[in-house]
Amino acid sequence: MSNPSTQDQRIAKMTFSSVYPLYIAKAEKKGRTKEELDQIIEWLTGFDVSQLQRLIDEKATFETFFHRATLNPNARLITGSICGYRVEDIEDPLTKKVRYLDKLVDELAKGKKMEKILRR
């Protein structure tokens, strides 16, 4: 990331609906299900399937998506590297939340058990 603020702005303007099919494909390619993906999204954001669908239909940006979300208090326990950056070191709050989601999807695709992904 040569200019973090430019990267942060790009992430904020991306639509959830453009990324969600990629999350599904990544999970299913590794033998996981859309239902499991939806479960981790609900754990992180509080959005159930019908709320997710509404956000997809309205083409909500990640900025809108996470503004409306109720972030799980245990999200702070999500650590490790994603896209070459340590999640816990990301300063921009929105970018950090998006990377939390990316990290959870990554863990799902790597076969991690749901109990571990959901940090209960």
Protein backbone atom coordinates (compact mmCIF):
# COMPACT_ATOMS: atom_id res chain seq x y z
CA MET A 1 0.00 0.00 0.00
CA SER A 2 1.94 3.00 -1.21
CA ASN A 3 -0.61 5.53 0.05
CA PRO A 4 -2.72 4.17 2.90
CA SER A 5 -5.30 6.98 2.77
CA THR A 6 -5.96 6.32 -0.93
CA GLN A 7 -6.30 2.60 -0.19
CA ASP A 8 -8.64 3.34 2.74
CA GLN A 9 -10.82 5.54 0.51
CA ARG A 10 -10.95 2.86 -2.18
CA ILE A 11 -12.03 0.25 0.36
CA ALA A 12 -14.72 2.59 1.78
CA LYS A 13 -16.27 3.04 -1.67
CA MET A 14 -16.26 -0.64 -2.65
CA THR A 15 -19.69 -2.22 -2.57
CA PHE A 16 -20.36 -5.21 -0.39
CA SER A 17 -22.36 -6.71 -3.28
CA SER A 18 -19.21 -6.75 -5.46
CA VAL A 19 -17.16 -8.63 -2.85
CA TYR A 20 -19.75 -11.00 -1.38
CA PRO A 21 -19.77 -13.37 -4.42
CA LEU A 22 -15.97 -13.56 -4.14
CA TYR A 23 -16.28 -14.51 -0.47
CA ILE A 24 -18.80 -17.23 -1.39
CA ALA A 25 -16.56 -18.56 -4.17
CA LYS A 26 -13.52 -18.64 -1.88
CA ALA A 27 -15.42 -20.53 0.82
CA GLU A 28 -17.09 -23.00 -1.56
CA LYS A 29 -13.85 -23.67 -3.45
CA LYS A 30 -12.45 -24.95 -0.15
CA GLY A 31 -15.50 -27.08 0.70
CA ARG A 32 -17.21 -24.60 3.02
CA THR A 33 -20.76 -23.32 2.59
CA LYS A 34 -22.53 -20.02 1.98
CA GLU A 35 -24.42 -20.70 5.21
CA GLU A 36 -21.15 -20.85 7.16
CA LEU A 37 -20.03 -17.63 5.48
CA ASP A 38 -23.32 -15.95 6.40
CA GLN A 39 -22.88 -17.18 9.97
CA ILE A 40 -19.47 -15.52 10.34
CA ILE A 41 -20.78 -12.31 8.75
CA GLU A 42 -23.69 -12.32 11.20
CA TRP A 43 -21.32 -12.94 14.12
CA LEU A 44 -19.12 -10.01 13.09
CA THR A 45 -21.79 -7.50 12.02
CA GLY A 46 -25.11 -8.59 13.50
CA PHE A 47 -26.68 -8.76 10.00
CA ASP A 48 -28.92 -11.75 9.35
CA VAL A 49 -29.45 -13.15 5.84
CA SER A 50 -32.39 -10.85 5.02
CA GLN A 51 -30.47 -7.77 6.17
CA LEU A 52 -27.47 -8.87 4.09
CA GLN A 53 -29.70 -9.26 1.06
CA ARG A 54 -31.09 -5.74 1.52
CA LEU A 55 -27.55 -4.33 1.70
CA ILE A 56 -26.64 -6.27 -1.45
CA ASP A 57 -29.77 -5.06 -3.27
CA GLU A 58 -29.06 -1.44 -2.42
CA LYS A 59 -25.40 -1.85 -3.39
CA ALA A 60 -24.21 -0.53 -0.03
CA THR A 61 -20.59 0.52 0.17
CA PHE A 62 -18.37 -0.95 2.88
CA GLU A 63 -18.61 2.44 4.56
CA THR A 64 -22.42 2.14 4.76
CA PHE A 65 -22.24 -1.58 5.54
CA PHE A 66 -20.06 -1.13 8.61
CA HIS A 67 -21.76 2.12 9.66
CA ARG A 68 -24.99 0.12 10.04
CA ALA A 69 -23.32 -2.92 11.59
CA THR A 70 -23.14 -3.68 15.28
CA LEU A 71 -19.60 -5.01 15.51
CA ASN A 72 -19.19 -8.02 17.78
CA PRO A 73 -17.28 -7.00 20.93
CA ASN A 74 -14.97 -9.98 20.41
CA ALA A 75 -13.91 -8.70 16.98
CA ARG A 76 -10.88 -7.18 18.70
CA LEU A 77 -9.66 -10.77 19.21
CA ILE A 78 -9.19 -11.12 15.43
CA THR A 79 -5.45 -10.90 14.85
CA GLY A 80 -2.93 -12.01 12.29
CA SER A 81 -1.96 -11.08 8.76
CA ILE A 82 -4.27 -10.40 5.85
CA CYS A 83 -3.18 -8.88 2.56
CA GLY A 84 0.32 -8.49 3.99
CA TYR A 85 -0.74 -6.39 6.98
CA ARG A 86 -1.29 -7.26 10.62
CA VAL A 87 -4.99 -6.67 11.32
CA GLU A 88 -4.29 -5.37 14.79
CA ASP A 89 -1.90 -2.71 13.39
CA ILE A 90 -4.34 -1.19 10.87
CA GLU A 91 -5.14 2.36 11.99
CA ASP A 92 -8.14 3.30 9.82
CA PRO A 93 -11.24 2.00 11.67
CA LEU A 94 -13.21 1.12 8.52
CA THR A 95 -10.28 -0.61 6.83
CA LYS A 96 -9.70 -2.57 10.06
CA LYS A 97 -13.34 -3.78 10.05
CA VAL A 98 -13.14 -4.81 6.39
CA ARG A 99 -9.91 -6.68 7.11
CA TYR A 100 -11.57 -8.38 10.09
CA LEU A 101 -14.15 -9.73 7.65
CA ASP A 102 -11.44 -10.71 5.16
CA LYS A 103 -9.55 -12.52 7.92
CA LEU A 104 -12.65 -14.47 9.00
CA VAL A 105 -13.36 -15.50 5.40
CA ASP A 106 -9.73 -16.56 5.05
CA GLU A 107 -9.94 -18.67 8.21
CA LEU A 108 -13.16 -20.28 6.94
CA ALA A 109 -11.52 -21.14 3.62
CA LYS A 110 -8.47 -22.56 5.42
CA GLY A 111 -10.70 -25.06 7.23
CA LYS A 112 -10.60 -23.55 10.70
CA LYS A 113 -13.39 -24.78 12.98
CA MET A 114 -16.36 -22.44 13.36
CA GLU A 115 -15.93 -22.27 17.15
CA LYS A 116 -12.42 -20.88 16.64
CA ILE A 117 -13.44 -18.47 13.85
CA LEU A 118 -16.27 -17.06 15.96
CA ARG A 119 -14.00 -16.47 18.95
CA ARG A 120 -16.55 -17.51 21.56
